[in-house]
N, C-alpha and C. Protein backbone atom coordinates (compact mmCIF):
# COMPACT_ATOMS: atom_id res chain seq x y z
N UNK A 1 -3.60 -17.44 -48.59
CA UNK A 1 -2.29 -17.04 -48.30
C UNK A 1 -2.06 -15.57 -48.40
N UNK A 2 -2.62 -14.95 -49.51
CA UNK A 2 -2.61 -13.55 -49.75
C UNK A 2 -3.36 -12.82 -48.53
N UNK A 3 -4.42 -13.30 -48.19
CA UNK A 3 -5.24 -12.73 -47.19
C UNK A 3 -4.39 -12.84 -45.86
N UNK A 4 -3.72 -13.90 -45.63
CA UNK A 4 -2.93 -14.09 -44.40
C UNK A 4 -1.81 -12.93 -44.45
N UNK A 5 -1.13 -12.77 -45.49
CA UNK A 5 -0.07 -11.81 -45.68
C UNK A 5 -0.63 -10.37 -45.32
N UNK A 6 -1.75 -10.19 -45.92
CA UNK A 6 -2.35 -8.75 -45.73
C UNK A 6 -2.74 -8.58 -44.29
N UNK A 7 -3.32 -9.55 -43.68
CA UNK A 7 -3.57 -9.51 -42.20
C UNK A 7 -2.33 -9.26 -41.38
N UNK A 8 -1.30 -10.01 -41.61
CA UNK A 8 -0.05 -9.82 -40.91
C UNK A 8 0.49 -8.44 -41.15
N UNK A 9 0.43 -7.91 -42.36
CA UNK A 9 1.01 -6.62 -42.61
C UNK A 9 0.26 -5.56 -41.91
N UNK A 10 -1.19 -5.69 -41.93
CA UNK A 10 -1.99 -4.72 -41.19
C UNK A 10 -1.71 -4.69 -39.72
N UNK A 11 -1.51 -5.93 -39.20
CA UNK A 11 -1.14 -6.02 -37.72
C UNK A 11 0.15 -5.40 -37.43
N UNK A 12 1.14 -5.55 -38.28
CA UNK A 12 2.43 -4.93 -37.99
C UNK A 12 2.37 -3.47 -38.15
N UNK A 13 1.58 -2.95 -39.12
CA UNK A 13 1.47 -1.49 -39.24
C UNK A 13 0.85 -0.95 -37.96
N UNK A 14 -0.26 -1.60 -37.45
CA UNK A 14 -0.95 -1.17 -36.36
C UNK A 14 -0.07 -1.14 -35.12
N UNK A 15 0.82 -2.21 -35.02
CA UNK A 15 1.77 -2.27 -33.82
C UNK A 15 2.70 -1.11 -33.89
N UNK A 16 3.24 -0.73 -35.14
CA UNK A 16 4.13 0.31 -35.33
C UNK A 16 3.49 1.67 -34.93
N UNK A 17 2.24 1.83 -35.35
CA UNK A 17 1.62 3.03 -35.15
C UNK A 17 1.41 3.27 -33.59
N UNK A 18 1.08 2.18 -32.90
CA UNK A 18 0.83 2.30 -31.44
C UNK A 18 2.15 2.45 -30.65
N UNK A 19 3.28 2.08 -31.23
CA UNK A 19 4.48 2.20 -30.54
C UNK A 19 4.87 3.68 -30.34
N UNK A 20 5.48 4.13 -29.30
CA UNK A 20 5.73 5.58 -29.11
C UNK A 20 6.75 6.02 -30.18
N UNK A 21 6.56 7.26 -30.68
CA UNK A 21 7.43 7.76 -31.65
C UNK A 21 8.79 8.08 -31.08
N UNK A 22 9.88 7.86 -31.83
CA UNK A 22 11.18 8.07 -31.31
C UNK A 22 11.41 9.56 -30.76
N UNK A 23 10.76 10.48 -31.40
CA UNK A 23 11.01 11.86 -30.96
C UNK A 23 9.91 12.39 -30.11
N UNK A 24 9.12 11.44 -29.53
CA UNK A 24 8.01 11.82 -28.63
C UNK A 24 8.46 11.61 -27.17
N UNK A 25 8.34 12.67 -26.28
CA UNK A 25 8.70 12.48 -24.81
C UNK A 25 7.60 11.74 -24.23
N UNK A 26 7.84 10.67 -23.48
CA UNK A 26 6.69 9.96 -22.86
C UNK A 26 6.01 10.96 -21.81
N UNK A 27 4.78 10.70 -21.50
CA UNK A 27 3.94 11.48 -20.58
C UNK A 27 3.59 12.76 -21.19
N UNK A 28 3.64 13.83 -20.43
CA UNK A 28 3.28 15.11 -20.86
C UNK A 28 4.22 16.29 -20.41
N UNK A 29 3.99 17.47 -20.86
CA UNK A 29 4.94 18.60 -20.48
C UNK A 29 4.68 18.78 -18.95
N UNK A 30 3.50 18.83 -18.49
CA UNK A 30 3.24 19.11 -17.11
C UNK A 30 3.96 18.25 -16.07
N UNK A 31 4.03 16.93 -16.40
CA UNK A 31 4.70 16.03 -15.40
C UNK A 31 6.21 16.21 -15.46
N UNK A 32 6.77 16.63 -16.65
CA UNK A 32 8.14 16.85 -16.76
C UNK A 32 8.64 18.20 -16.10
N UNK A 33 7.73 19.13 -16.05
CA UNK A 33 7.91 20.29 -15.23
C UNK A 33 8.04 20.02 -13.70
N UNK A 34 7.08 19.03 -13.35
CA UNK A 34 7.04 18.51 -12.03
C UNK A 34 8.27 17.78 -11.60
N UNK A 35 8.74 16.91 -12.48
CA UNK A 35 9.93 16.07 -12.29
C UNK A 35 11.12 16.91 -12.14
N UNK A 36 11.28 17.97 -13.05
CA UNK A 36 12.51 18.84 -12.94
C UNK A 36 12.47 19.58 -11.57
N UNK A 37 11.24 20.06 -11.23
CA UNK A 37 11.14 20.76 -9.90
C UNK A 37 11.53 19.91 -8.74
N UNK A 38 11.04 18.66 -8.79
CA UNK A 38 11.38 17.72 -7.69
C UNK A 38 12.86 17.34 -7.72
N UNK A 39 13.44 17.17 -8.86
CA UNK A 39 14.81 16.83 -8.87
C UNK A 39 15.69 17.93 -8.46
N UNK A 40 15.26 19.23 -8.75
CA UNK A 40 16.02 20.44 -8.30
C UNK A 40 15.89 20.48 -6.75
N UNK A 41 14.74 20.13 -6.18
CA UNK A 41 14.52 20.15 -4.70
C UNK A 41 15.52 19.17 -4.10
N UNK A 42 15.58 17.82 -4.71
CA UNK A 42 16.46 16.90 -4.06
C UNK A 42 17.86 17.27 -4.32
N UNK A 43 18.16 17.92 -5.47
CA UNK A 43 19.56 18.32 -5.75
C UNK A 43 20.03 19.27 -4.68
N UNK A 44 19.16 20.22 -4.29
CA UNK A 44 19.49 21.17 -3.22
C UNK A 44 19.78 20.46 -1.97
N UNK A 45 18.93 19.40 -1.69
CA UNK A 45 19.19 18.58 -0.37
C UNK A 45 20.54 17.92 -0.42
N UNK A 46 20.92 17.34 -1.70
CA UNK A 46 22.22 16.64 -1.81
C UNK A 46 23.38 17.75 -1.67
N UNK A 47 23.10 18.99 -2.06
CA UNK A 47 24.15 19.95 -2.07
C UNK A 47 24.33 20.34 -0.56
N UNK A 48 23.33 20.44 0.23
CA UNK A 48 23.39 20.60 1.67
C UNK A 48 24.14 19.49 2.34
N UNK A 49 23.79 18.27 1.90
CA UNK A 49 24.53 17.10 2.43
C UNK A 49 26.06 17.18 2.27
N UNK A 50 26.40 17.49 1.03
CA UNK A 50 27.89 17.55 0.81
C UNK A 50 28.64 18.82 1.53
N UNK A 51 27.85 19.89 1.58
CA UNK A 51 28.45 21.04 2.32
C UNK A 51 28.66 20.73 3.78
N UNK A 52 27.64 20.16 4.28
CA UNK A 52 27.69 19.73 5.73
C UNK A 52 28.72 18.65 5.99
N UNK A 53 28.85 17.72 5.07
CA UNK A 53 29.94 16.70 5.15
C UNK A 53 31.31 17.23 5.13
N UNK A 54 31.52 18.16 4.39
CA UNK A 54 32.79 18.93 4.25
C UNK A 54 33.22 19.45 5.61
N UNK A 55 32.20 20.12 6.34
CA UNK A 55 32.53 20.74 7.56
C UNK A 55 32.45 19.79 8.84
N UNK A 56 31.80 18.61 8.58
CA UNK A 56 31.68 17.67 9.80
C UNK A 56 31.95 16.31 9.18
N UNK A 57 33.20 16.05 8.61
CA UNK A 57 33.60 14.95 8.03
C UNK A 57 33.52 13.63 8.91
N UNK A 58 33.95 13.71 10.10
CA UNK A 58 33.96 12.59 11.02
C UNK A 58 32.47 12.17 11.32
N UNK A 59 31.67 13.10 11.58
CA UNK A 59 30.25 12.84 11.93
C UNK A 59 29.54 12.16 10.65
N UNK A 60 29.79 12.73 9.45
CA UNK A 60 29.08 12.12 8.33
C UNK A 60 29.71 10.91 7.89
N UNK A 61 30.96 10.62 8.26
CA UNK A 61 31.56 9.29 8.10
C UNK A 61 31.04 8.19 9.00
N UNK A 62 30.76 8.64 10.27
CA UNK A 62 30.38 7.63 11.25
C UNK A 62 28.83 7.40 11.06
N UNK A 63 28.06 8.32 10.72
CA UNK A 63 26.68 8.30 10.64
C UNK A 63 26.09 7.06 9.92
N UNK A 64 26.54 6.76 8.66
CA UNK A 64 25.91 5.61 7.94
C UNK A 64 26.17 4.29 8.61
N UNK A 65 27.20 4.20 9.37
CA UNK A 65 27.45 2.88 10.11
C UNK A 65 26.35 2.65 11.20
N UNK A 66 25.69 3.66 11.63
CA UNK A 66 24.76 3.59 12.65
C UNK A 66 23.28 3.30 12.17
N UNK A 67 23.17 3.39 10.85
CA UNK A 67 21.83 3.16 10.30
C UNK A 67 21.75 1.66 9.97
N UNK A 68 20.48 1.23 9.74
CA UNK A 68 20.04 -0.14 9.42
C UNK A 68 20.24 -0.40 7.97
N UNK A 69 21.35 -0.91 7.42
CA UNK A 69 21.59 -1.04 6.09
C UNK A 69 20.78 -2.13 5.43
N UNK A 70 20.29 -3.12 6.39
CA UNK A 70 19.34 -4.12 5.74
C UNK A 70 18.06 -3.47 5.32
N UNK A 71 17.56 -2.53 6.25
CA UNK A 71 16.27 -1.84 5.81
C UNK A 71 16.54 -1.12 4.47
N UNK A 72 17.72 -0.37 4.40
CA UNK A 72 17.99 0.48 3.21
C UNK A 72 18.10 -0.42 1.98
N UNK A 73 18.79 -1.64 2.08
CA UNK A 73 18.94 -2.47 0.99
C UNK A 73 17.50 -3.10 0.55
N UNK A 74 16.67 -3.51 1.52
CA UNK A 74 15.31 -3.97 1.19
C UNK A 74 14.54 -2.88 0.43
N UNK A 75 14.59 -1.73 0.92
CA UNK A 75 13.87 -0.65 0.16
C UNK A 75 14.41 -0.33 -1.21
N UNK A 76 15.69 -0.56 -1.41
CA UNK A 76 16.35 -0.34 -2.74
C UNK A 76 15.76 -1.33 -3.65
N UNK A 77 15.77 -2.65 -3.18
CA UNK A 77 15.25 -3.75 -4.02
C UNK A 77 13.73 -3.44 -4.38
N UNK A 78 12.97 -2.98 -3.32
CA UNK A 78 11.52 -2.78 -3.50
C UNK A 78 11.30 -1.78 -4.56
N UNK A 79 12.05 -0.61 -4.54
CA UNK A 79 11.78 0.41 -5.53
C UNK A 79 12.24 0.05 -6.93
N UNK A 80 13.43 -0.70 -6.98
CA UNK A 80 13.78 -1.18 -8.28
C UNK A 80 12.78 -2.07 -8.95
N UNK A 81 12.25 -2.95 -8.11
CA UNK A 81 11.21 -3.94 -8.55
C UNK A 81 9.91 -3.18 -8.92
N UNK A 82 9.70 -2.20 -8.13
CA UNK A 82 8.42 -1.39 -8.54
C UNK A 82 8.53 -0.65 -9.90
N UNK A 83 9.77 -0.20 -10.25
CA UNK A 83 9.98 0.51 -11.49
C UNK A 83 9.76 -0.44 -12.58
N UNK A 84 10.29 -1.69 -12.38
CA UNK A 84 10.09 -2.73 -13.47
C UNK A 84 8.55 -3.02 -13.65
N UNK A 85 7.83 -3.09 -12.56
CA UNK A 85 6.47 -3.44 -12.66
C UNK A 85 5.67 -2.37 -13.35
N UNK A 86 6.02 -1.06 -13.02
CA UNK A 86 5.20 0.04 -13.74
C UNK A 86 5.68 0.09 -15.19
N UNK A 87 6.81 -0.24 -15.58
CA UNK A 87 7.28 -0.18 -16.97
C UNK A 87 6.55 -1.33 -17.74
N UNK A 88 6.38 -2.51 -17.03
CA UNK A 88 5.63 -3.68 -17.64
C UNK A 88 4.18 -3.23 -17.85
N UNK A 89 3.59 -2.53 -16.99
CA UNK A 89 2.17 -2.11 -16.97
C UNK A 89 1.99 -1.17 -18.31
N UNK A 90 2.92 -0.22 -18.38
CA UNK A 90 2.80 0.65 -19.68
C UNK A 90 2.95 -0.16 -20.89
N UNK A 91 3.88 -1.12 -20.94
CA UNK A 91 4.05 -2.01 -22.15
C UNK A 91 2.74 -2.84 -22.37
N UNK A 92 2.14 -3.28 -21.35
CA UNK A 92 0.97 -4.08 -21.49
C UNK A 92 -0.22 -3.30 -22.13
N UNK A 93 -0.35 -1.99 -21.55
CA UNK A 93 -1.39 -1.17 -22.14
C UNK A 93 -1.11 -0.94 -23.64
N UNK A 94 0.03 -0.63 -24.03
CA UNK A 94 0.50 -0.48 -25.36
C UNK A 94 -0.03 -1.79 -26.26
N UNK A 95 0.08 -2.88 -25.58
CA UNK A 95 -0.24 -4.07 -26.39
C UNK A 95 -1.71 -4.55 -26.22
N UNK A 96 -2.50 -3.67 -25.58
CA UNK A 96 -3.94 -3.90 -25.39
C UNK A 96 -4.13 -5.01 -24.28
N UNK A 97 -3.18 -5.23 -23.44
CA UNK A 97 -3.35 -6.27 -22.37
C UNK A 97 -3.62 -5.53 -21.09
N UNK A 98 -4.89 -5.07 -20.98
CA UNK A 98 -5.26 -4.23 -19.90
C UNK A 98 -5.38 -4.99 -18.56
N UNK A 99 -5.92 -6.15 -18.55
CA UNK A 99 -5.98 -6.95 -17.26
C UNK A 99 -4.50 -7.22 -16.70
N UNK A 100 -3.62 -7.58 -17.63
CA UNK A 100 -2.23 -7.84 -17.20
C UNK A 100 -1.62 -6.42 -16.70
N UNK A 101 -1.94 -5.46 -17.38
CA UNK A 101 -1.40 -4.08 -16.97
C UNK A 101 -1.87 -3.75 -15.57
N UNK A 102 -3.07 -4.09 -15.31
CA UNK A 102 -3.67 -3.83 -13.93
C UNK A 102 -2.90 -4.62 -12.97
N UNK A 103 -2.65 -5.85 -13.22
CA UNK A 103 -1.81 -6.71 -12.20
C UNK A 103 -0.46 -6.12 -12.00
N UNK A 104 0.15 -5.66 -13.05
CA UNK A 104 1.57 -5.10 -12.77
C UNK A 104 1.44 -3.78 -11.98
N UNK A 105 0.39 -3.09 -12.17
CA UNK A 105 0.23 -1.79 -11.40
C UNK A 105 -0.04 -2.14 -9.95
N UNK A 106 -0.90 -3.21 -9.68
CA UNK A 106 -1.06 -3.70 -8.26
C UNK A 106 0.26 -4.22 -7.65
N UNK A 107 1.04 -4.82 -8.47
CA UNK A 107 2.40 -5.27 -7.99
C UNK A 107 3.24 -4.01 -7.50
N UNK A 108 3.18 -2.98 -8.32
CA UNK A 108 3.74 -1.73 -8.06
C UNK A 108 3.35 -1.17 -6.70
N UNK A 109 2.06 -1.18 -6.47
CA UNK A 109 1.53 -0.74 -5.18
C UNK A 109 1.97 -1.57 -3.97
N UNK A 110 2.08 -2.95 -4.29
CA UNK A 110 2.60 -3.91 -3.13
C UNK A 110 4.07 -3.42 -2.83
N UNK A 111 4.81 -3.24 -3.78
CA UNK A 111 6.20 -2.79 -3.48
C UNK A 111 6.37 -1.49 -2.79
N UNK A 112 5.37 -0.54 -3.24
CA UNK A 112 5.34 0.81 -2.57
C UNK A 112 4.98 0.57 -1.05
N UNK A 113 3.92 -0.13 -0.80
CA UNK A 113 3.48 -0.41 0.58
C UNK A 113 4.56 -1.07 1.34
N UNK A 114 5.28 -2.07 0.67
CA UNK A 114 6.43 -2.68 1.43
C UNK A 114 7.50 -1.67 1.81
N UNK A 115 7.74 -0.76 0.90
CA UNK A 115 8.76 0.31 1.12
C UNK A 115 8.29 1.09 2.37
N UNK A 116 7.09 1.60 2.35
CA UNK A 116 6.64 2.50 3.46
C UNK A 116 6.57 1.73 4.69
N UNK A 117 6.20 0.41 4.69
CA UNK A 117 6.27 -0.43 5.98
C UNK A 117 7.73 -0.49 6.48
N UNK A 118 8.70 -0.83 5.63
CA UNK A 118 10.06 -1.01 6.00
C UNK A 118 10.63 0.27 6.54
N UNK A 119 10.33 1.41 5.86
CA UNK A 119 10.79 2.73 6.26
C UNK A 119 10.27 3.11 7.62
N UNK A 120 8.93 2.83 7.83
CA UNK A 120 8.37 3.15 9.17
C UNK A 120 9.02 2.32 10.25
N UNK A 121 9.29 0.94 9.97
CA UNK A 121 9.86 0.06 10.89
C UNK A 121 11.36 0.65 11.24
N UNK A 122 11.97 1.00 10.18
CA UNK A 122 13.32 1.62 10.35
C UNK A 122 13.31 2.80 11.23
N UNK A 123 12.43 3.69 11.12
CA UNK A 123 12.31 4.89 12.02
C UNK A 123 12.15 4.50 13.45
N UNK A 124 11.31 3.33 13.69
CA UNK A 124 11.02 2.87 14.99
C UNK A 124 12.39 2.31 15.56
N UNK A 125 13.04 1.51 14.65
CA UNK A 125 14.32 0.94 15.04
C UNK A 125 15.37 1.99 15.46
N UNK A 126 15.40 3.07 14.72
CA UNK A 126 16.22 4.16 15.04
C UNK A 126 15.96 4.69 16.43
N UNK A 127 14.67 4.87 16.64
CA UNK A 127 14.28 5.34 18.06
C UNK A 127 14.87 4.49 19.10
N UNK A 128 14.70 3.11 18.92
CA UNK A 128 15.21 2.23 19.98
C UNK A 128 16.73 2.35 20.10
N UNK A 129 17.43 2.76 19.04
CA UNK A 129 18.95 2.91 19.18
C UNK A 129 19.30 4.36 19.76
N UNK A 130 18.25 5.04 20.05
CA UNK A 130 18.54 6.48 20.51
C UNK A 130 18.77 7.38 19.31
N UNK A 131 18.41 7.09 18.17
CA UNK A 131 18.70 7.99 16.96
C UNK A 131 17.36 8.71 16.66
N UNK A 132 17.55 10.05 16.49
CA UNK A 132 16.42 10.87 16.07
C UNK A 132 16.99 12.04 15.35
N UNK A 133 16.14 12.97 14.92
CA UNK A 133 16.55 14.12 14.10
C UNK A 133 17.47 15.11 14.92
N UNK A 134 17.44 15.01 16.21
CA UNK A 134 18.25 15.87 17.02
C UNK A 134 19.61 15.29 17.49
N UNK A 135 19.82 14.07 17.16
CA UNK A 135 21.06 13.39 17.56
C UNK A 135 22.30 14.14 17.21
N UNK A 136 22.36 14.45 15.89
CA UNK A 136 23.52 15.31 15.37
C UNK A 136 23.09 15.81 13.98
N UNK A 137 23.94 16.56 13.36
CA UNK A 137 23.64 17.15 12.05
C UNK A 137 23.36 16.06 10.98
N UNK A 138 24.19 14.96 11.04
CA UNK A 138 24.02 13.88 10.07
C UNK A 138 22.65 13.40 10.03
N UNK A 139 22.19 13.16 11.16
CA UNK A 139 20.84 12.51 11.39
C UNK A 139 19.68 13.53 11.07
N UNK A 140 19.94 14.88 11.27
CA UNK A 140 19.03 15.92 10.92
C UNK A 140 18.90 15.87 9.41
N UNK A 141 20.02 15.79 8.68
CA UNK A 141 19.96 15.70 7.21
C UNK A 141 19.28 14.44 6.68
N UNK A 142 19.70 13.36 7.41
CA UNK A 142 19.14 12.05 7.03
C UNK A 142 17.63 11.96 7.11
N UNK A 143 17.08 12.49 8.29
CA UNK A 143 15.65 12.52 8.39
C UNK A 143 14.94 13.38 7.45
N UNK A 144 15.58 14.52 7.15
CA UNK A 144 14.98 15.42 6.24
C UNK A 144 14.91 14.90 4.88
N UNK A 145 15.94 14.34 4.29
CA UNK A 145 15.97 13.72 3.01
C UNK A 145 15.11 12.52 2.95
N UNK A 146 15.31 11.54 3.90
CA UNK A 146 14.55 10.33 3.91
C UNK A 146 13.04 10.46 4.09
N UNK A 147 12.54 11.31 4.97
CA UNK A 147 11.20 11.54 5.18
C UNK A 147 10.52 12.18 3.97
N UNK A 148 11.34 13.13 3.37
CA UNK A 148 10.79 13.87 2.20
C UNK A 148 10.56 12.76 0.99
N UNK A 149 11.44 11.84 0.88
CA UNK A 149 11.38 10.82 -0.12
C UNK A 149 10.20 9.92 0.26
N UNK A 150 10.07 9.51 1.56
CA UNK A 150 8.99 8.81 2.12
C UNK A 150 7.59 9.36 1.69
N UNK A 151 7.44 10.74 1.71
CA UNK A 151 6.29 11.37 1.26
C UNK A 151 6.04 11.21 -0.25
N UNK A 152 7.13 11.28 -0.93
CA UNK A 152 7.10 11.09 -2.51
C UNK A 152 6.58 9.84 -2.83
N UNK A 153 7.00 8.75 -2.17
CA UNK A 153 6.61 7.41 -2.35
C UNK A 153 5.11 7.24 -2.13
N UNK A 154 4.64 7.87 -0.98
CA UNK A 154 3.24 7.81 -0.65
C UNK A 154 2.43 8.54 -1.74
N UNK A 155 2.79 9.72 -2.16
CA UNK A 155 2.10 10.53 -3.16
C UNK A 155 2.02 9.72 -4.54
N UNK A 156 3.24 9.12 -4.82
CA UNK A 156 3.32 8.38 -6.10
C UNK A 156 2.46 7.13 -6.04
N UNK A 157 2.39 6.45 -4.95
CA UNK A 157 1.47 5.37 -4.74
C UNK A 157 0.10 5.70 -4.99
N UNK A 158 -0.29 6.93 -4.40
CA UNK A 158 -1.71 7.44 -4.68
C UNK A 158 -1.93 7.60 -6.19
N UNK A 159 -0.91 8.08 -6.91
CA UNK A 159 -1.07 8.30 -8.26
C UNK A 159 -1.27 6.94 -9.11
N UNK A 160 -0.57 5.88 -8.61
CA UNK A 160 -0.57 4.55 -9.18
C UNK A 160 -2.00 4.06 -8.97
N UNK A 161 -2.58 4.26 -7.72
CA UNK A 161 -4.01 3.91 -7.46
C UNK A 161 -5.04 4.57 -8.43
N UNK A 162 -4.76 5.74 -8.63
CA UNK A 162 -5.60 6.58 -9.55
C UNK A 162 -5.45 5.90 -11.02
N UNK A 163 -4.20 5.56 -11.43
CA UNK A 163 -4.01 4.99 -12.68
C UNK A 163 -4.82 3.63 -12.84
N UNK A 164 -4.79 2.81 -11.68
CA UNK A 164 -5.53 1.58 -11.72
C UNK A 164 -7.05 1.90 -11.92
N UNK A 165 -7.49 2.79 -11.16
CA UNK A 165 -9.01 3.15 -11.32
C UNK A 165 -9.29 3.64 -12.76
N UNK A 166 -8.39 4.42 -13.29
CA UNK A 166 -8.71 4.96 -14.67
C UNK A 166 -8.58 3.81 -15.66
N UNK A 167 -7.62 2.96 -15.41
CA UNK A 167 -7.42 1.80 -16.31
C UNK A 167 -8.68 0.90 -16.34
N UNK A 168 -9.18 0.73 -15.17
CA UNK A 168 -10.42 -0.21 -15.00
C UNK A 168 -11.73 0.54 -15.69
N UNK A 169 -11.59 1.81 -15.60
CA UNK A 169 -12.82 2.57 -16.13
C UNK A 169 -12.75 2.84 -17.67
N UNK A 170 -11.63 2.29 -18.26
CA UNK A 170 -11.52 2.33 -19.73
C UNK A 170 -10.96 3.63 -20.16
N UNK A 171 -10.21 4.33 -19.21
CA UNK A 171 -9.71 5.56 -19.54
C UNK A 171 -8.43 5.66 -20.35
N UNK A 172 -7.74 4.40 -20.53
CA UNK A 172 -6.51 4.30 -21.27
C UNK A 172 -6.85 3.32 -22.40
N UNK A 173 -6.14 3.61 -23.50
CA UNK A 173 -6.16 2.79 -24.57
C UNK A 173 -4.68 2.59 -25.15
N UNK A 174 -4.62 1.68 -26.10
CA UNK A 174 -3.25 1.45 -26.65
C UNK A 174 -2.70 2.67 -27.34
N UNK A 175 -3.77 3.62 -27.93
CA UNK A 175 -3.23 4.78 -28.56
C UNK A 175 -3.21 6.02 -27.72
N UNK A 176 -3.93 5.91 -26.56
CA UNK A 176 -4.03 7.13 -25.68
C UNK A 176 -3.87 6.73 -24.24
N UNK A 177 -2.59 6.82 -23.74
CA UNK A 177 -2.33 6.44 -22.43
C UNK A 177 -1.15 7.32 -21.81
N UNK A 178 -1.18 8.70 -22.28
CA UNK A 178 -0.22 9.56 -21.82
C UNK A 178 -0.20 9.77 -20.29
N UNK A 179 -1.48 9.70 -19.76
CA UNK A 179 -1.59 9.88 -18.29
C UNK A 179 -0.83 8.71 -17.58
N UNK A 180 -0.86 7.57 -18.03
CA UNK A 180 -0.25 6.44 -17.27
C UNK A 180 1.30 6.59 -17.63
N UNK A 181 1.68 7.04 -18.75
CA UNK A 181 3.20 7.32 -18.91
C UNK A 181 3.67 8.41 -18.07
N UNK A 182 2.87 9.41 -17.85
CA UNK A 182 3.18 10.54 -17.00
C UNK A 182 3.45 9.94 -15.52
N UNK A 183 2.53 9.15 -15.08
CA UNK A 183 2.67 8.62 -13.70
C UNK A 183 3.86 7.68 -13.57
N UNK A 184 4.16 6.92 -14.74
CA UNK A 184 5.27 6.00 -14.63
C UNK A 184 6.54 6.75 -14.62
N UNK A 185 6.57 7.87 -15.38
CA UNK A 185 7.88 8.78 -15.39
C UNK A 185 8.10 9.32 -14.00
N UNK A 186 7.00 9.70 -13.43
CA UNK A 186 7.14 10.33 -12.00
C UNK A 186 7.67 9.21 -11.02
N UNK A 187 7.12 8.03 -11.27
CA UNK A 187 7.66 6.83 -10.36
C UNK A 187 9.08 6.60 -10.57
N UNK A 188 9.47 6.57 -11.79
CA UNK A 188 10.91 6.31 -12.05
C UNK A 188 11.78 7.33 -11.44
N UNK A 189 11.25 8.60 -11.37
CA UNK A 189 12.01 9.73 -10.79
C UNK A 189 12.15 9.34 -9.28
N UNK A 190 11.14 8.92 -8.58
CA UNK A 190 11.20 8.50 -7.24
C UNK A 190 12.27 7.51 -6.99
N UNK A 191 12.26 6.47 -7.88
CA UNK A 191 13.25 5.36 -7.78
C UNK A 191 14.63 5.93 -7.99
N UNK A 192 14.85 6.84 -9.02
CA UNK A 192 16.15 7.32 -9.31
C UNK A 192 16.67 8.18 -8.13
N UNK A 193 15.89 8.92 -7.40
CA UNK A 193 16.35 9.70 -6.32
C UNK A 193 16.86 8.72 -5.21
N UNK A 194 16.03 7.69 -4.98
CA UNK A 194 16.43 6.70 -3.91
C UNK A 194 17.80 6.04 -4.25
N UNK A 195 17.94 5.75 -5.51
CA UNK A 195 19.29 5.17 -5.93
C UNK A 195 20.46 6.06 -5.59
N UNK A 196 20.25 7.44 -5.45
CA UNK A 196 21.27 8.34 -5.03
C UNK A 196 21.26 8.52 -3.43
N UNK A 197 20.07 8.48 -2.90
CA UNK A 197 19.94 8.51 -1.45
C UNK A 197 20.58 7.39 -0.73
N UNK A 198 20.37 6.11 -1.22
CA UNK A 198 20.85 4.94 -0.58
C UNK A 198 22.39 4.97 -0.32
N UNK A 199 23.32 5.06 -1.38
CA UNK A 199 24.66 5.25 -1.04
C UNK A 199 25.14 6.33 -0.21
N UNK A 200 24.44 7.48 -0.43
CA UNK A 200 24.90 8.71 0.34
C UNK A 200 24.75 8.48 1.89
N UNK A 201 23.43 7.96 2.23
CA UNK A 201 23.17 7.84 3.64
C UNK A 201 23.50 6.58 4.32
N UNK A 202 23.59 5.52 3.57
CA UNK A 202 23.77 4.16 4.14
C UNK A 202 25.10 3.60 3.83
N UNK A 203 25.79 3.97 2.84
CA UNK A 203 26.97 3.26 2.39
C UNK A 203 28.27 4.16 2.56
N UNK A 204 28.31 5.33 2.03
CA UNK A 204 29.42 6.08 2.04
C UNK A 204 29.81 6.70 3.40
N UNK A 205 30.92 6.35 3.89
CA UNK A 205 31.36 6.77 5.21
C UNK A 205 32.57 7.58 5.22
């Protein structure tokens, strides 16, 4: 019984040591510099959106009604689900469950590919409705913001693929997985930006 208690205590201590410290920022400094830079870039885009909307209120009120809200909603669900998956992957690595972590990362990739597919289809649908970047100022802003975000999803998906390769190679451990945390933080940033984009471009009229 004493041996059992000792083993349980050792396991508890080990779990606590592997858990991220309360005062530790996940990832690394480099990725947070990148995240702040990307958020600043999108922040400037949103500022341009609001300035343009003030001057062309009717155009920016009518624009969202012409877009495919079903496509926008599907992509919102895809990115929210992908963020859940990447968070689960990090949790699994911390628990030494590497195979399960890999599955969660592949699920993240699946949602990213789904997003890219739906967004590509949406652009094609827009063309069929006679909508392009030259239609009016609202759609110029829409394409600039949406395509920029599209590229970020593609880049982030590439980073997730790299994380899968590194995980399979034994590059992450329960004690050392800052690289995975950094990629997860970047992916959450991509999701957060879309949560702002969706109401601005598809809902608010």
